[in-house]
Amino acid sequence: MRRLTSLIFVSVLLVISPVFAQAPSQKNEPQPPKSEAKPALNAEKLAVEWMDHLNALDDWFISMDGKEHPEEVVNRMLELYAPDAIQFVAPSEDQIGTVMLRGTDAIRKWMDTFARSYVDLQYRINVQTGGKEQTINVIDSMPLPWGGLAVAFEIRAVYGRREDRRTFTTPGAVFLQFRDDGKIQRLRLFLQKDEATEFFP
């Protein structure tokens, strides 16, 4: 019986020894570098950044020879957009229905026209006061299933017409979709023009 037990023990050792001999040492193997997680998109930061650039579209100069130069402020705002971005805006006087701008060339043209048409831009995100008299920017956001972030917020637009310097205020809303890299992929700017009222600062 003792001999049989010894034979079984030796047989087990012969079976498991090659397994341990062939098993790679995990301690000595170099570990692949851990991929750094991308920082989460900040909805409020992205919304405020877009609004700041929109308000800056009136911040350009006219040269001594009378030429207008809004290119710099337009280029800065265009950097917020993806190359294949889509933007929906209200129609101009000779258009009907919502206008879709596809790609940065079309969006640049809209920005340039906007910059040349308006002065004293003061677009503001609507704020709300809640419990304990806390006042915040009301910004809604949700992650998109294909990546990126959707952001929406109500605004109050104050703008002056460059042609006659008359100032108006109107409510509106902005709907944005950002890619994972923070670039704008899709945008809808909505202004309730039939609620616009002349503003006397």
N, C-alpha and C. Protein backbone atom coordinates (compact mmCIF):
# COMPACT_ATOMS: atom_id res chain seq x y z
N MET A 1 0.83 -1.21 0.00
CA MET A 1 0.00 0.00 0.00
C MET A 1 0.86 1.25 0.00
N ARG A 2 1.92 1.21 0.83
CA ARG A 2 2.82 2.36 0.87
C ARG A 2 3.50 2.54 -0.48
N ARG A 3 3.84 1.41 -1.13
CA ARG A 3 4.50 1.51 -2.44
C ARG A 3 3.55 2.09 -3.47
N LEU A 4 2.28 1.69 -3.39
CA LEU A 4 1.29 2.21 -4.34
C LEU A 4 1.11 3.71 -4.17
N THR A 5 1.08 4.16 -2.92
CA THR A 5 0.95 5.59 -2.66
C THR A 5 2.13 6.37 -3.21
N SER A 6 3.33 5.80 -3.06
CA SER A 6 4.53 6.47 -3.58
C SER A 6 4.49 6.56 -5.08
N LEU A 7 4.00 5.51 -5.75
CA LEU A 7 3.92 5.53 -7.21
C LEU A 7 2.94 6.60 -7.70
N ILE A 8 1.80 6.71 -7.00
CA ILE A 8 0.80 7.73 -7.38
C ILE A 8 1.38 9.13 -7.21
N PHE A 9 2.09 9.36 -6.12
CA PHE A 9 2.68 10.68 -5.85
C PHE A 9 3.69 11.05 -6.91
N VAL A 10 4.54 10.06 -7.29
CA VAL A 10 5.55 10.31 -8.33
C VAL A 10 4.89 10.59 -9.66
N SER A 11 3.81 9.85 -9.96
CA SER A 11 3.11 10.05 -11.24
C SER A 11 2.52 11.46 -11.33
N VAL A 12 1.93 11.90 -10.21
CA VAL A 12 1.36 13.25 -10.20
C VAL A 12 2.43 14.30 -10.42
N LEU A 13 3.57 14.14 -9.79
CA LEU A 13 4.68 15.09 -9.98
C LEU A 13 5.14 15.13 -11.42
N LEU A 14 5.20 13.96 -12.06
CA LEU A 14 5.64 13.91 -13.46
C LEU A 14 4.66 14.62 -14.38
N VAL A 15 3.37 14.59 -14.01
CA VAL A 15 2.35 15.23 -14.86
C VAL A 15 2.36 16.75 -14.71
N ILE A 16 2.45 17.21 -13.47
CA ILE A 16 2.31 18.66 -13.26
C ILE A 16 3.61 19.41 -13.40
N SER A 17 4.75 18.76 -13.32
CA SER A 17 6.03 19.47 -13.42
C SER A 17 6.20 20.16 -14.75
N PRO A 18 5.90 19.52 -15.92
CA PRO A 18 6.05 20.23 -17.20
C PRO A 18 5.14 21.45 -17.30
N VAL A 19 3.95 21.34 -16.67
CA VAL A 19 3.02 22.48 -16.74
C VAL A 19 3.61 23.70 -16.08
N PHE A 20 4.16 23.52 -14.87
CA PHE A 20 4.79 24.64 -14.17
C PHE A 20 6.04 25.12 -14.89
N ALA A 21 6.76 24.18 -15.52
CA ALA A 21 7.99 24.56 -16.21
C ALA A 21 7.69 25.41 -17.43
N GLN A 22 6.53 25.10 -18.10
CA GLN A 22 6.20 25.83 -19.33
C GLN A 22 5.43 27.11 -19.07
N ALA A 23 4.85 27.22 -17.88
CA ALA A 23 4.06 28.42 -17.59
C ALA A 23 4.95 29.65 -17.56
N PRO A 24 4.64 30.67 -18.34
CA PRO A 24 5.48 31.88 -18.36
C PRO A 24 5.39 32.64 -17.06
N SER A 25 6.45 33.25 -16.71
CA SER A 25 6.48 34.05 -15.49
C SER A 25 5.86 35.41 -15.76
N GLN A 26 4.72 35.66 -15.12
CA GLN A 26 4.03 36.93 -15.33
C GLN A 26 4.79 38.10 -14.73
N LYS A 27 5.59 37.80 -13.73
CA LYS A 27 6.33 38.88 -13.08
C LYS A 27 7.40 39.45 -13.99
N ASN A 28 7.99 38.58 -14.83
CA ASN A 28 9.10 39.03 -15.67
C ASN A 28 8.63 39.59 -17.01
N GLU A 29 7.38 39.29 -17.39
CA GLU A 29 6.90 39.76 -18.69
C GLU A 29 6.61 41.26 -18.64
N PRO A 30 7.05 41.99 -19.65
CA PRO A 30 6.71 43.43 -19.69
C PRO A 30 5.22 43.62 -19.93
N GLN A 31 4.61 44.49 -19.17
CA GLN A 31 3.19 44.76 -19.31
C GLN A 31 2.97 45.86 -20.34
N PRO A 32 1.94 45.68 -21.18
CA PRO A 32 1.66 46.74 -22.17
C PRO A 32 1.28 48.03 -21.46
N PRO A 33 1.68 49.15 -22.02
CA PRO A 33 1.35 50.44 -21.37
C PRO A 33 -0.15 50.65 -21.33
N LYS A 34 -0.62 51.16 -20.22
CA LYS A 34 -2.04 51.44 -20.07
C LYS A 34 -2.42 52.68 -20.87
N SER A 35 -3.46 52.53 -21.65
CA SER A 35 -3.92 53.68 -22.45
C SER A 35 -4.57 54.70 -21.52
N GLU A 36 -4.17 55.95 -21.71
CA GLU A 36 -4.71 57.01 -20.87
C GLU A 36 -6.15 57.32 -21.28
N ALA A 37 -7.03 57.35 -20.31
CA ALA A 37 -8.43 57.65 -20.58
C ALA A 37 -8.58 59.12 -20.99
N LYS A 38 -9.42 59.35 -22.02
CA LYS A 38 -9.66 60.71 -22.46
C LYS A 38 -10.46 61.46 -21.39
N PRO A 39 -10.12 62.71 -21.16
CA PRO A 39 -10.89 63.48 -20.17
C PRO A 39 -12.34 63.63 -20.61
N ALA A 40 -13.24 63.56 -19.67
CA ALA A 40 -14.66 63.69 -19.99
C ALA A 40 -14.96 65.11 -20.48
N LEU A 41 -15.85 65.20 -21.45
CA LEU A 41 -16.24 66.51 -21.97
C LEU A 41 -17.07 67.25 -20.93
N ASN A 42 -16.78 68.53 -20.77
CA ASN A 42 -17.48 69.38 -19.81
C ASN A 42 -18.52 70.21 -20.55
N ALA A 43 -19.79 69.90 -20.33
CA ALA A 43 -20.87 70.54 -21.08
C ALA A 43 -20.89 72.05 -20.88
N GLU A 44 -20.75 72.51 -19.65
CA GLU A 44 -20.80 73.95 -19.39
C GLU A 44 -19.62 74.66 -20.03
N LYS A 45 -18.44 74.08 -19.95
CA LYS A 45 -17.26 74.70 -20.55
C LYS A 45 -17.42 74.81 -22.06
N LEU A 46 -17.91 73.76 -22.70
CA LEU A 46 -18.10 73.77 -24.15
C LEU A 46 -19.16 74.79 -24.56
N ALA A 47 -20.24 74.88 -23.79
CA ALA A 47 -21.31 75.83 -24.11
C ALA A 47 -20.83 77.27 -23.97
N VAL A 48 -20.15 77.56 -22.87
CA VAL A 48 -19.65 78.92 -22.63
C VAL A 48 -18.62 79.30 -23.68
N GLU A 49 -17.77 78.36 -24.07
CA GLU A 49 -16.75 78.65 -25.08
C GLU A 49 -17.39 79.04 -26.40
N TRP A 50 -18.43 78.31 -26.82
CA TRP A 50 -19.09 78.64 -28.08
C TRP A 50 -19.76 80.00 -28.00
N MET A 51 -20.42 80.29 -26.89
CA MET A 51 -21.09 81.58 -26.72
C MET A 51 -20.08 82.73 -26.73
N ASP A 52 -18.95 82.54 -26.08
CA ASP A 52 -17.92 83.58 -26.06
C ASP A 52 -17.41 83.88 -27.47
N HIS A 53 -17.21 82.84 -28.26
CA HIS A 53 -16.74 83.05 -29.64
C HIS A 53 -17.82 83.70 -30.50
N LEU A 54 -19.08 83.36 -30.26
CA LEU A 54 -20.16 84.00 -31.01
C LEU A 54 -20.21 85.49 -30.69
N ASN A 55 -20.13 85.84 -29.42
CA ASN A 55 -20.16 87.25 -29.03
C ASN A 55 -18.95 88.02 -29.55
N ALA A 56 -17.85 87.32 -29.79
CA ALA A 56 -16.63 87.98 -30.27
C ALA A 56 -16.66 88.26 -31.77
N LEU A 57 -17.70 87.80 -32.46
CA LEU A 57 -17.75 88.01 -33.91
C LEU A 57 -17.93 89.48 -34.28
N ASP A 58 -18.27 90.33 -33.31
CA ASP A 58 -18.36 91.77 -33.62
C ASP A 58 -17.07 92.50 -33.28
N ASP A 59 -16.06 91.76 -32.84
CA ASP A 59 -14.80 92.37 -32.38
C ASP A 59 -13.76 92.37 -33.49
N TRP A 60 -13.98 93.17 -34.52
CA TRP A 60 -13.03 93.28 -35.62
C TRP A 60 -12.93 94.75 -36.03
N PHE A 61 -12.06 95.03 -36.98
CA PHE A 61 -11.76 96.44 -37.29
C PHE A 61 -11.90 96.72 -38.78
N ILE A 62 -11.98 97.99 -39.09
CA ILE A 62 -11.97 98.47 -40.48
C ILE A 62 -10.65 99.18 -40.71
N SER A 63 -9.94 98.79 -41.75
CA SER A 63 -8.63 99.36 -42.03
C SER A 63 -8.74 100.80 -42.50
N MET A 64 -7.60 101.46 -42.59
CA MET A 64 -7.57 102.87 -42.99
C MET A 64 -8.13 103.09 -44.38
N ASP A 65 -8.04 102.06 -45.22
CA ASP A 65 -8.57 102.21 -46.58
C ASP A 65 -10.02 101.76 -46.69
N GLY A 66 -10.66 101.54 -45.53
CA GLY A 66 -12.09 101.23 -45.52
C GLY A 66 -12.46 99.77 -45.69
N LYS A 67 -11.47 98.87 -45.64
CA LYS A 67 -11.76 97.44 -45.80
C LYS A 67 -12.09 96.80 -44.46
N GLU A 68 -13.09 95.94 -44.47
CA GLU A 68 -13.50 95.24 -43.26
C GLU A 68 -12.66 93.97 -43.08
N HIS A 69 -12.30 93.67 -41.83
CA HIS A 69 -11.43 92.52 -41.57
C HIS A 69 -11.96 91.67 -40.41
N PRO A 70 -13.02 90.91 -40.66
CA PRO A 70 -13.53 90.01 -39.61
C PRO A 70 -12.90 88.62 -39.66
N GLU A 71 -11.88 88.42 -40.52
CA GLU A 71 -11.34 87.08 -40.74
C GLU A 71 -10.80 86.45 -39.46
N GLU A 72 -10.13 87.24 -38.63
CA GLU A 72 -9.49 86.69 -37.44
C GLU A 72 -10.51 86.10 -36.47
N VAL A 73 -11.58 86.83 -36.19
CA VAL A 73 -12.58 86.33 -35.24
C VAL A 73 -13.35 85.15 -35.85
N VAL A 74 -13.56 85.19 -37.15
CA VAL A 74 -14.23 84.08 -37.82
C VAL A 74 -13.37 82.82 -37.75
N ASN A 75 -12.08 82.95 -38.02
CA ASN A 75 -11.18 81.79 -37.97
C ASN A 75 -11.11 81.19 -36.57
N ARG A 76 -11.10 82.05 -35.56
CA ARG A 76 -11.03 81.54 -34.18
C ARG A 76 -12.29 80.72 -33.85
N MET A 77 -13.44 81.21 -34.27
CA MET A 77 -14.66 80.47 -33.97
C MET A 77 -14.74 79.18 -34.78
N LEU A 78 -14.24 79.22 -35.99
CA LEU A 78 -14.30 78.04 -36.86
C LEU A 78 -13.44 76.90 -36.32
N GLU A 79 -12.45 77.21 -35.49
CA GLU A 79 -11.61 76.18 -34.89
C GLU A 79 -12.40 75.27 -33.95
N LEU A 80 -13.57 75.70 -33.52
CA LEU A 80 -14.39 74.89 -32.63
C LEU A 80 -15.12 73.77 -33.37
N TYR A 81 -15.13 73.81 -34.70
CA TYR A 81 -15.94 72.90 -35.50
C TYR A 81 -15.11 71.78 -36.13
N ALA A 82 -15.75 70.62 -36.30
CA ALA A 82 -15.16 69.54 -37.09
C ALA A 82 -15.24 69.92 -38.57
N PRO A 83 -14.32 69.39 -39.40
CA PRO A 83 -14.33 69.76 -40.82
C PRO A 83 -15.64 69.46 -41.54
N ASP A 84 -16.33 68.40 -41.13
CA ASP A 84 -17.58 68.01 -41.79
C ASP A 84 -18.81 68.38 -40.95
N ALA A 85 -18.68 69.41 -40.15
CA ALA A 85 -19.77 69.81 -39.26
C ALA A 85 -20.99 70.28 -40.04
N ILE A 86 -22.15 70.17 -39.39
CA ILE A 86 -23.41 70.65 -39.96
C ILE A 86 -24.02 71.66 -38.98
N GLN A 87 -24.50 72.77 -39.53
CA GLN A 87 -25.12 73.79 -38.69
C GLN A 87 -26.45 74.21 -39.30
N PHE A 88 -27.48 74.33 -38.46
CA PHE A 88 -28.80 74.76 -38.89
C PHE A 88 -29.07 76.15 -38.32
N VAL A 89 -29.47 77.08 -39.18
CA VAL A 89 -29.72 78.45 -38.77
C VAL A 89 -31.01 78.95 -39.40
N ALA A 90 -31.46 80.10 -38.93
CA ALA A 90 -32.67 80.71 -39.48
C ALA A 90 -32.40 81.24 -40.89
N PRO A 91 -33.41 81.34 -41.72
CA PRO A 91 -33.22 81.84 -43.08
C PRO A 91 -32.96 83.34 -43.10
N SER A 92 -32.28 83.78 -44.12
CA SER A 92 -32.10 85.22 -44.32
C SER A 92 -33.35 85.77 -45.00
N GLU A 93 -33.32 87.05 -45.35
CA GLU A 93 -34.51 87.70 -45.89
C GLU A 93 -34.97 87.08 -47.21
N ASP A 94 -34.04 86.55 -48.01
CA ASP A 94 -34.40 85.99 -49.31
C ASP A 94 -34.50 84.47 -49.28
N GLN A 95 -34.62 83.87 -48.09
CA GLN A 95 -34.72 82.42 -47.97
C GLN A 95 -35.98 82.05 -47.20
N ILE A 96 -36.40 80.79 -47.37
CA ILE A 96 -37.58 80.27 -46.67
C ILE A 96 -37.20 78.97 -45.98
N GLY A 97 -37.61 78.83 -44.72
CA GLY A 97 -37.34 77.60 -43.99
C GLY A 97 -35.95 77.58 -43.38
N THR A 98 -35.69 76.53 -42.61
CA THR A 98 -34.41 76.38 -41.95
C THR A 98 -33.29 76.17 -42.97
N VAL A 99 -32.16 76.81 -42.75
CA VAL A 99 -31.00 76.70 -43.64
C VAL A 99 -30.00 75.73 -43.04
N MET A 100 -29.57 74.74 -43.83
CA MET A 100 -28.56 73.79 -43.38
C MET A 100 -27.22 74.14 -44.01
N LEU A 101 -26.21 74.34 -43.17
CA LEU A 101 -24.86 74.64 -43.63
C LEU A 101 -24.01 73.40 -43.42
N ARG A 102 -23.44 72.87 -44.48
CA ARG A 102 -22.66 71.64 -44.40
C ARG A 102 -21.19 71.92 -44.71
N GLY A 103 -20.32 71.61 -43.75
CA GLY A 103 -18.89 71.82 -43.95
C GLY A 103 -18.44 73.21 -43.53
N THR A 104 -17.14 73.34 -43.28
CA THR A 104 -16.62 74.59 -42.74
C THR A 104 -16.68 75.76 -43.72
N ASP A 105 -16.66 75.48 -45.02
CA ASP A 105 -16.74 76.59 -45.98
C ASP A 105 -18.09 77.31 -45.88
N ALA A 106 -19.16 76.53 -45.81
CA ALA A 106 -20.50 77.12 -45.70
C ALA A 106 -20.68 77.80 -44.34
N ILE A 107 -20.16 77.17 -43.29
CA ILE A 107 -20.28 77.75 -41.95
C ILE A 107 -19.45 79.03 -41.85
N ARG A 108 -18.28 79.04 -42.47
CA ARG A 108 -17.45 80.25 -42.48
C ARG A 108 -18.19 81.42 -43.15
N LYS A 109 -18.86 81.13 -44.25
CA LYS A 109 -19.59 82.19 -44.96
C LYS A 109 -20.69 82.76 -44.07
N TRP A 110 -21.39 81.88 -43.34
CA TRP A 110 -22.44 82.36 -42.43
C TRP A 110 -21.84 83.22 -41.32
N MET A 111 -20.73 82.77 -40.74
CA MET A 111 -20.07 83.54 -39.67
C MET A 111 -19.63 84.91 -40.18
N ASP A 112 -19.09 84.94 -41.38
CA ASP A 112 -18.62 86.20 -41.95
C ASP A 112 -19.78 87.18 -42.15
N THR A 113 -20.89 86.67 -42.67
CA THR A 113 -22.08 87.52 -42.85
C THR A 113 -22.62 87.99 -41.50
N PHE A 114 -22.64 87.09 -40.53
CA PHE A 114 -23.11 87.43 -39.19
C PHE A 114 -22.24 88.52 -38.58
N ALA A 115 -20.92 88.38 -38.71
CA ALA A 115 -19.99 89.35 -38.14
C ALA A 115 -20.16 90.73 -38.78
N ARG A 116 -20.45 90.77 -40.07
CA ARG A 116 -20.59 92.04 -40.77
C ARG A 116 -21.97 92.68 -40.56
N SER A 117 -22.93 91.89 -40.08
CA SER A 117 -24.31 92.38 -39.98
C SER A 117 -24.69 92.90 -38.61
N TYR A 118 -23.97 92.45 -37.55
CA TYR A 118 -24.40 92.77 -36.19
C TYR A 118 -23.28 93.38 -35.36
N VAL A 119 -23.68 94.19 -34.38
CA VAL A 119 -22.74 94.80 -33.44
C VAL A 119 -23.27 94.59 -32.02
N ASP A 120 -22.42 94.88 -31.05
CA ASP A 120 -22.81 94.80 -29.63
C ASP A 120 -23.49 93.47 -29.30
N LEU A 121 -22.86 92.38 -29.71
CA LEU A 121 -23.43 91.05 -29.47
C LEU A 121 -23.33 90.70 -27.99
N GLN A 122 -24.46 90.32 -27.42
CA GLN A 122 -24.50 89.91 -26.01
C GLN A 122 -25.44 88.71 -25.88
N TYR A 123 -24.99 87.60 -26.40
CA TYR A 123 -25.76 86.36 -26.25
C TYR A 123 -25.42 85.76 -24.89
N ARG A 124 -26.45 85.41 -24.11
CA ARG A 124 -26.23 84.90 -22.76
C ARG A 124 -27.01 83.61 -22.53
N ILE A 125 -26.40 82.68 -21.80
CA ILE A 125 -27.09 81.46 -21.39
C ILE A 125 -28.07 81.81 -20.28
N ASN A 126 -29.28 81.31 -20.38
CA ASN A 126 -30.28 81.58 -19.34
C ASN A 126 -29.84 80.99 -18.01
N VAL A 127 -30.03 81.76 -16.96
CA VAL A 127 -29.71 81.29 -15.61
C VAL A 127 -31.00 81.05 -14.84
N GLN A 128 -30.89 80.26 -13.80
CA GLN A 128 -32.06 79.95 -12.98
C GLN A 128 -31.65 79.90 -11.52
N THR A 129 -32.50 80.44 -10.67
CA THR A 129 -32.24 80.42 -9.23
C THR A 129 -33.13 79.36 -8.59
N GLY A 130 -32.50 78.45 -7.85
CA GLY A 130 -33.24 77.36 -7.22
C GLY A 130 -33.15 77.43 -5.71
N GLY A 131 -33.13 76.25 -5.09
CA GLY A 131 -33.08 76.17 -3.64
C GLY A 131 -31.85 76.85 -3.06
N LYS A 132 -32.01 77.41 -1.90
CA LYS A 132 -30.94 78.11 -1.19
C LYS A 132 -30.37 79.25 -2.02
N GLU A 133 -31.23 79.81 -2.91
CA GLU A 133 -30.86 80.96 -3.72
C GLU A 133 -29.60 80.71 -4.55
N GLN A 134 -29.47 79.49 -5.06
CA GLN A 134 -28.34 79.16 -5.93
C GLN A 134 -28.70 79.51 -7.37
N THR A 135 -27.85 80.27 -8.03
CA THR A 135 -28.07 80.66 -9.42
C THR A 135 -27.05 79.96 -10.30
N ILE A 136 -27.55 79.25 -11.32
CA ILE A 136 -26.66 78.49 -12.20
C ILE A 136 -27.06 78.69 -13.65
N ASN A 137 -26.12 78.40 -14.56
CA ASN A 137 -26.45 78.27 -15.97
C ASN A 137 -27.20 76.95 -16.15
N VAL A 138 -28.36 77.01 -16.78
CA VAL A 138 -29.14 75.78 -16.99
C VAL A 138 -28.71 75.17 -18.32
N ILE A 139 -27.94 74.10 -18.25
CA ILE A 139 -27.40 73.43 -19.44
C ILE A 139 -27.70 71.94 -19.33
N ASP A 140 -28.42 71.42 -20.30
CA ASP A 140 -28.73 69.99 -20.33
C ASP A 140 -27.71 69.27 -21.21
N SER A 141 -27.34 68.06 -20.82
CA SER A 141 -26.38 67.29 -21.61
C SER A 141 -26.62 65.81 -21.43
N MET A 142 -26.18 65.03 -22.43
CA MET A 142 -26.25 63.58 -22.34
C MET A 142 -25.21 62.99 -23.29
N PRO A 143 -24.59 61.86 -22.91
CA PRO A 143 -23.64 61.22 -23.82
C PRO A 143 -24.36 60.61 -25.01
N LEU A 144 -23.73 60.68 -26.17
CA LEU A 144 -24.31 60.10 -27.38
C LEU A 144 -23.89 58.64 -27.51
N PRO A 145 -24.76 57.76 -28.01
CA PRO A 145 -24.41 56.34 -28.10
C PRO A 145 -23.24 56.05 -29.02
N TRP A 146 -22.97 56.92 -29.99
CA TRP A 146 -21.85 56.72 -30.90
C TRP A 146 -20.60 57.48 -30.46
N GLY A 147 -20.64 58.06 -29.27
CA GLY A 147 -19.51 58.81 -28.76
C GLY A 147 -19.76 60.31 -28.82
N GLY A 148 -19.17 61.03 -27.91
CA GLY A 148 -19.37 62.46 -27.88
C GLY A 148 -20.46 62.86 -26.90
N LEU A 149 -20.88 64.10 -27.01
CA LEU A 149 -21.81 64.66 -26.02
C LEU A 149 -22.81 65.58 -26.70
N ALA A 150 -24.07 65.46 -26.32
CA ALA A 150 -25.11 66.39 -26.77
C ALA A 150 -25.35 67.43 -25.68
N VAL A 151 -25.44 68.69 -26.09
CA VAL A 151 -25.59 69.80 -25.14
C VAL A 151 -26.71 70.72 -25.64
N ALA A 152 -27.56 71.17 -24.73
CA ALA A 152 -28.66 72.06 -25.11
C ALA A 152 -28.90 73.07 -24.00
N PHE A 153 -29.24 74.30 -24.39
CA PHE A 153 -29.52 75.34 -23.40
C PHE A 153 -30.31 76.47 -24.04
N GLU A 154 -31.09 77.16 -23.21
CA GLU A 154 -31.83 78.33 -23.66
C GLU A 154 -30.94 79.56 -23.56
N ILE A 155 -31.19 80.53 -24.42
CA ILE A 155 -30.38 81.75 -24.43
C ILE A 155 -31.28 82.98 -24.49
N ARG A 156 -30.68 84.11 -24.19
CA ARG A 156 -31.27 85.42 -24.42
C ARG A 156 -30.29 86.17 -25.30
N ALA A 157 -30.73 86.49 -26.51
CA ALA A 157 -29.86 87.16 -27.47
C ALA A 157 -30.12 88.66 -27.47
N VAL A 158 -29.06 89.43 -27.35
CA VAL A 158 -29.12 90.89 -27.49
C VAL A 158 -28.14 91.25 -28.59
N TYR A 159 -28.62 91.95 -29.61
CA TYR A 159 -27.77 92.25 -30.77
C TYR A 159 -28.20 93.57 -31.39
N GLY A 160 -27.23 94.26 -31.96
CA GLY A 160 -27.51 95.50 -32.67
C GLY A 160 -27.30 95.31 -34.16
N ARG A 161 -28.15 95.90 -34.96
CA ARG A 161 -27.98 95.81 -36.41
C ARG A 161 -26.95 96.85 -36.84
N ARG A 162 -25.95 96.40 -37.56
CA ARG A 162 -24.87 97.31 -37.95
C ARG A 162 -25.37 98.43 -38.86
N GLU A 163 -26.38 98.16 -39.66
CA GLU A 163 -26.84 99.13 -40.65
C GLU A 163 -27.50 100.35 -40.02
N ASP A 164 -28.20 100.17 -38.90
CA ASP A 164 -28.91 101.31 -38.31
C ASP A 164 -28.69 101.44 -36.80
N ARG A 165 -27.89 100.51 -36.23
CA ARG A 165 -27.55 100.53 -34.81
C ARG A 165 -28.76 100.34 -33.89
N ARG A 166 -29.87 99.86 -34.41
CA ARG A 166 -31.00 99.53 -33.56
C ARG A 166 -30.71 98.20 -32.86
N THR A 167 -31.06 98.12 -31.58
CA THR A 167 -30.74 96.94 -30.78
C THR A 167 -32.01 96.17 -30.43
N PHE A 168 -31.91 94.85 -30.51
CA PHE A 168 -33.06 93.99 -30.25
C PHE A 168 -32.66 92.88 -29.26
N THR A 169 -33.68 92.33 -28.61
CA THR A 169 -33.47 91.18 -27.74
C THR A 169 -34.53 90.14 -28.05
N THR A 170 -34.14 88.89 -28.00
CA THR A 170 -35.06 87.80 -28.32
C THR A 170 -34.64 86.52 -27.61
N PRO A 171 -35.59 85.66 -27.23
CA PRO A 171 -35.21 84.38 -26.64
C PRO A 171 -34.81 83.39 -27.73
N GLY A 172 -34.13 82.35 -27.32
CA GLY A 172 -33.71 81.34 -28.28
C GLY A 172 -33.15 80.12 -27.58
N ALA A 173 -32.55 79.24 -28.36
CA ALA A 173 -31.97 78.02 -27.81
C ALA A 173 -30.86 77.55 -28.73
N VAL A 174 -29.93 76.81 -28.15
CA VAL A 174 -28.81 76.25 -28.91
C VAL A 174 -28.75 74.75 -28.62
N PHE A 175 -28.62 73.96 -29.68
CA PHE A 175 -28.49 72.51 -29.55
C PHE A 175 -27.19 72.09 -30.25
N LEU A 176 -26.30 71.47 -29.51
CA LEU A 176 -24.99 71.09 -30.05
C LEU A 176 -24.73 69.61 -29.85
N GLN A 177 -23.96 69.04 -30.77
CA GLN A 177 -23.42 67.70 -30.61
C GLN A 177 -21.91 67.78 -30.80
N PHE A 178 -21.18 67.33 -29.79
CA PHE A 178 -19.72 67.37 -29.82
C PHE A 178 -19.15 65.97 -30.04
N ARG A 179 -18.06 65.90 -30.79
CA ARG A 179 -17.33 64.64 -30.94
C ARG A 179 -16.53 64.37 -29.67
N ASP A 180 -15.90 63.20 -29.62
CA ASP A 180 -15.07 62.86 -28.45
C ASP A 180 -13.93 63.84 -28.25
N ASP A 181 -13.44 64.45 -29.34
CA ASP A 181 -12.32 65.39 -29.22
C ASP A 181 -12.78 66.81 -28.89
N GLY A 182 -14.08 67.00 -28.65
CA GLY A 182 -14.59 68.31 -28.27
C GLY A 182 -14.96 69.21 -29.43
N LYS A 183 -14.81 68.74 -30.66
CA LYS A 183 -15.18 69.54 -31.83
C LYS A 183 -16.68 69.43 -32.10
N ILE A 184 -17.26 70.50 -32.59
CA ILE A 184 -18.69 70.52 -32.88
C ILE A 184 -18.96 69.73 -34.15
N GLN A 185 -19.86 68.75 -34.06
CA GLN A 185 -20.26 67.96 -35.22
C GLN A 185 -21.59 68.44 -35.80
N ARG A 186 -22.45 68.94 -34.92
CA ARG A 186 -23.79 69.35 -35.35
C ARG A 186 -24.27 70.47 -34.43
N LEU A 187 -24.92 71.48 -35.00
CA LEU A 187 -25.38 72.62 -34.21
C LEU A 187 -26.68 73.17 -34.79
N ARG A 188 -27.57 73.53 -33.89
CA ARG A 188 -28.81 74.20 -34.28
C ARG A 188 -28.96 75.46 -33.44
N LEU A 189 -28.96 76.61 -34.11
CA LEU A 189 -29.17 77.89 -33.44
C LEU A 189 -30.59 78.34 -33.75
N PHE A 190 -31.38 78.48 -32.71
CA PHE A 190 -32.79 78.83 -32.87
C PHE A 190 -33.07 80.14 -32.16
N LEU A 191 -33.59 81.12 -32.90
CA LEU A 191 -33.99 82.41 -32.32
C LEU A 191 -35.46 82.64 -32.60
N GLN A 192 -36.20 83.00 -31.57
CA GLN A 192 -37.64 83.23 -31.68
C GLN A 192 -37.86 84.66 -32.16
N LYS A 193 -37.70 84.88 -33.47
CA LYS A 193 -37.74 86.23 -34.01
C LYS A 193 -39.09 86.92 -33.80
N ASP A 194 -40.19 86.14 -33.77
CA ASP A 194 -41.49 86.79 -33.57
C ASP A 194 -41.69 87.25 -32.13
N GLU A 195 -40.75 86.92 -31.24
CA GLU A 195 -40.79 87.43 -29.87
C GLU A 195 -39.73 88.51 -29.65
N ALA A 196 -39.07 88.92 -30.72
CA ALA A 196 -38.03 89.94 -30.59
C ALA A 196 -38.65 91.29 -30.25
N THR A 197 -37.98 92.02 -29.39
CA THR A 197 -38.42 93.36 -29.03
C THR A 197 -37.23 94.30 -29.12
N GLU A 198 -37.50 95.54 -29.48
CA GLU A 198 -36.41 96.51 -29.55
C GLU A 198 -35.95 96.85 -28.14
N PHE A 199 -34.65 96.95 -28.03
CA PHE A 199 -34.02 97.15 -26.72
C PHE A 199 -33.32 98.50 -26.72
N PHE A 200 -33.55 99.29 -25.68
CA PHE A 200 -32.94 100.61 -25.59
C PHE A 200 -31.96 100.61 -24.42
N PRO A 201 -30.68 100.38 -24.69
CA PRO A 201 -29.69 100.28 -23.61
C PRO A 201 -29.47 101.62 -22.91
